[in-house]
């Protein structure tokens, strides 16, 4: 049987991944802001995992 793409599902997955990435960035910025306010040293950025898709 031929694969029939489910565009709505694929779009929902892309939107979910996009929102998760944005949320992670917001949390990282909030943590950096908290650290700066507390006078703690800044952490170096973590490299992306080779298996992650962007």
N, C-alpha and C. Protein backbone atom coordinates (compact mmCIF):
# COMPACT_ATOMS: atom_id res chain seq x y z
N UNK A 1 0.84 -1.18 0.00
CA UNK A 1 0.00 0.00 0.00
C UNK A 1 0.89 1.25 0.00
N UNK A 2 0.48 2.24 -0.72
CA UNK A 2 1.25 3.47 -0.85
C UNK A 2 1.02 4.35 0.38
N UNK A 3 2.10 4.98 0.84
CA UNK A 3 2.03 5.87 1.99
C UNK A 3 1.26 7.13 1.63
N UNK A 4 0.26 7.45 2.43
CA UNK A 4 -0.50 8.68 2.23
C UNK A 4 -0.10 9.64 3.34
N UNK A 5 0.50 10.78 2.99
CA UNK A 5 0.98 11.70 4.03
C UNK A 5 -0.18 12.34 4.80
N UNK A 6 0.04 12.52 6.07
CA UNK A 6 -0.94 13.17 6.93
C UNK A 6 -0.39 14.57 7.23
N UNK A 7 -0.77 15.52 6.38
CA UNK A 7 -0.19 16.86 6.46
C UNK A 7 -0.52 17.55 7.77
N UNK A 8 -1.74 17.37 8.27
CA UNK A 8 -2.11 18.02 9.53
C UNK A 8 -1.26 17.51 10.68
N UNK A 9 -1.01 16.21 10.73
CA UNK A 9 -0.17 15.65 11.79
C UNK A 9 1.26 16.14 11.66
N UNK A 10 1.79 16.13 10.42
CA UNK A 10 3.16 16.58 10.21
C UNK A 10 3.32 18.04 10.60
N UNK A 11 2.35 18.86 10.26
CA UNK A 11 2.42 20.28 10.62
C UNK A 11 2.34 20.45 12.14
N UNK A 12 1.46 19.69 12.78
CA UNK A 12 1.33 19.77 14.23
C UNK A 12 2.65 19.36 14.91
N UNK A 13 3.32 18.35 14.39
CA UNK A 13 4.60 17.92 14.94
C UNK A 13 5.67 19.00 14.78
N UNK A 14 5.70 19.65 13.60
CA UNK A 14 6.66 20.74 13.39
C UNK A 14 6.39 21.89 14.35
N UNK A 15 5.12 22.24 14.52
CA UNK A 15 4.76 23.33 15.43
C UNK A 15 5.10 22.97 16.88
N UNK A 16 4.89 21.71 17.26
CA UNK A 16 5.21 21.26 18.62
C UNK A 16 6.71 21.36 18.86
N UNK A 17 7.50 20.90 17.90
CA UNK A 17 8.95 20.96 18.02
C UNK A 17 9.43 22.41 18.08
N UNK A 18 8.84 23.26 17.27
CA UNK A 18 9.21 24.66 17.25
C UNK A 18 8.92 25.32 18.60
N UNK A 19 7.75 25.03 19.16
CA UNK A 19 7.37 25.60 20.46
C UNK A 19 8.27 25.06 21.57
N UNK A 20 8.62 23.79 21.52
CA UNK A 20 9.50 23.20 22.54
C UNK A 20 10.88 23.86 22.48
N UNK A 21 11.37 24.12 21.29
CA UNK A 21 12.67 24.76 21.14
C UNK A 21 12.62 26.19 21.67
N UNK A 22 11.54 26.90 21.37
CA UNK A 22 11.38 28.27 21.86
C UNK A 22 11.28 28.30 23.38
N UNK A 23 10.56 27.34 23.96
CA UNK A 23 10.42 27.28 25.41
C UNK A 23 11.77 27.00 26.07
N UNK A 24 12.56 26.12 25.48
CA UNK A 24 13.89 25.83 26.03
C UNK A 24 14.76 27.09 25.99
N UNK A 25 14.64 27.85 24.93
CA UNK A 25 15.42 29.08 24.82
C UNK A 25 14.96 30.10 25.86
N UNK A 26 13.64 30.21 26.07
CA UNK A 26 13.12 31.12 27.09
C UNK A 26 13.61 30.73 28.48
N UNK A 27 13.60 29.43 28.78
CA UNK A 27 14.08 28.96 30.08
C UNK A 27 15.56 29.24 30.27
N UNK A 28 16.33 29.05 29.21
CA UNK A 28 17.77 29.30 29.28
C UNK A 28 18.04 30.78 29.54
N UNK A 29 17.29 31.66 28.86
CA UNK A 29 17.46 33.09 29.08
C UNK A 29 17.06 33.48 30.50
N UNK A 30 15.98 32.91 30.99
CA UNK A 30 15.53 33.21 32.35
C UNK A 30 16.57 32.75 33.37
N UNK A 31 17.16 31.60 33.14
CA UNK A 31 18.19 31.07 34.05
C UNK A 31 19.42 31.98 34.01
N UNK A 32 19.81 32.44 32.83
CA UNK A 32 20.96 33.33 32.70
C UNK A 32 20.67 34.65 33.41
N UNK A 33 19.47 35.13 33.29
CA UNK A 33 19.08 36.38 33.95
C UNK A 33 19.11 36.21 35.47
N UNK A 34 18.62 35.07 35.95
CA UNK A 34 18.62 34.79 37.39
C UNK A 34 20.05 34.71 37.92
N UNK A 35 20.92 34.03 37.15
CA UNK A 35 22.32 33.90 37.56
C UNK A 35 23.00 35.27 37.61
N UNK A 36 22.72 36.11 36.63
CA UNK A 36 23.34 37.44 36.59
C UNK A 36 22.88 38.26 37.79
N UNK A 37 21.61 38.15 38.14
CA UNK A 37 21.08 38.89 39.28
C UNK A 37 21.68 38.38 40.58
N UNK A 38 21.98 37.10 40.65
CA UNK A 38 22.55 36.51 41.86
C UNK A 38 24.07 36.67 41.93
N UNK A 39 24.66 37.14 40.83
CA UNK A 39 26.10 37.34 40.83
C UNK A 39 26.89 36.07 40.59
N UNK A 40 26.24 35.04 40.09
CA UNK A 40 26.93 33.78 39.81
C UNK A 40 27.63 33.86 38.45
N UNK A 41 28.69 33.08 38.25
CA UNK A 41 29.38 33.12 36.96
C UNK A 41 28.49 32.56 35.85
N UNK A 42 28.73 33.06 34.66
CA UNK A 42 27.95 32.62 33.50
C UNK A 42 28.45 31.26 33.03
N UNK A 43 27.52 30.37 32.67
CA UNK A 43 27.89 29.06 32.17
C UNK A 43 28.19 29.15 30.68
N UNK A 44 29.17 28.38 30.19
CA UNK A 44 29.43 28.39 28.75
C UNK A 44 28.27 27.71 28.02
N UNK A 45 27.99 28.09 26.79
CA UNK A 45 26.89 27.46 26.04
C UNK A 45 27.19 25.98 25.78
N UNK A 46 26.16 25.18 25.86
CA UNK A 46 26.34 23.74 25.61
C UNK A 46 26.21 23.46 24.14
N UNK A 47 27.11 22.65 23.58
CA UNK A 47 27.00 22.33 22.15
C UNK A 47 25.79 21.44 21.90
N UNK A 48 25.22 21.56 20.71
CA UNK A 48 24.07 20.74 20.35
C UNK A 48 24.53 19.30 20.16
N UNK A 49 23.63 18.39 20.47
CA UNK A 49 23.91 16.97 20.26
C UNK A 49 23.94 16.69 18.77
N UNK A 50 24.80 15.81 18.30
CA UNK A 50 24.88 15.54 16.86
C UNK A 50 23.62 14.91 16.29
N UNK A 51 22.81 14.25 17.10
CA UNK A 51 21.61 13.59 16.60
C UNK A 51 20.38 14.48 16.57
N UNK A 52 20.47 15.70 17.09
CA UNK A 52 19.31 16.58 17.13
C UNK A 52 19.03 17.19 15.77
N UNK A 53 17.76 17.36 15.48
CA UNK A 53 17.35 18.03 14.26
C UNK A 53 16.88 19.42 14.62
N UNK A 54 17.17 20.39 13.80
CA UNK A 54 16.87 21.75 14.13
C UNK A 54 15.76 22.29 13.37
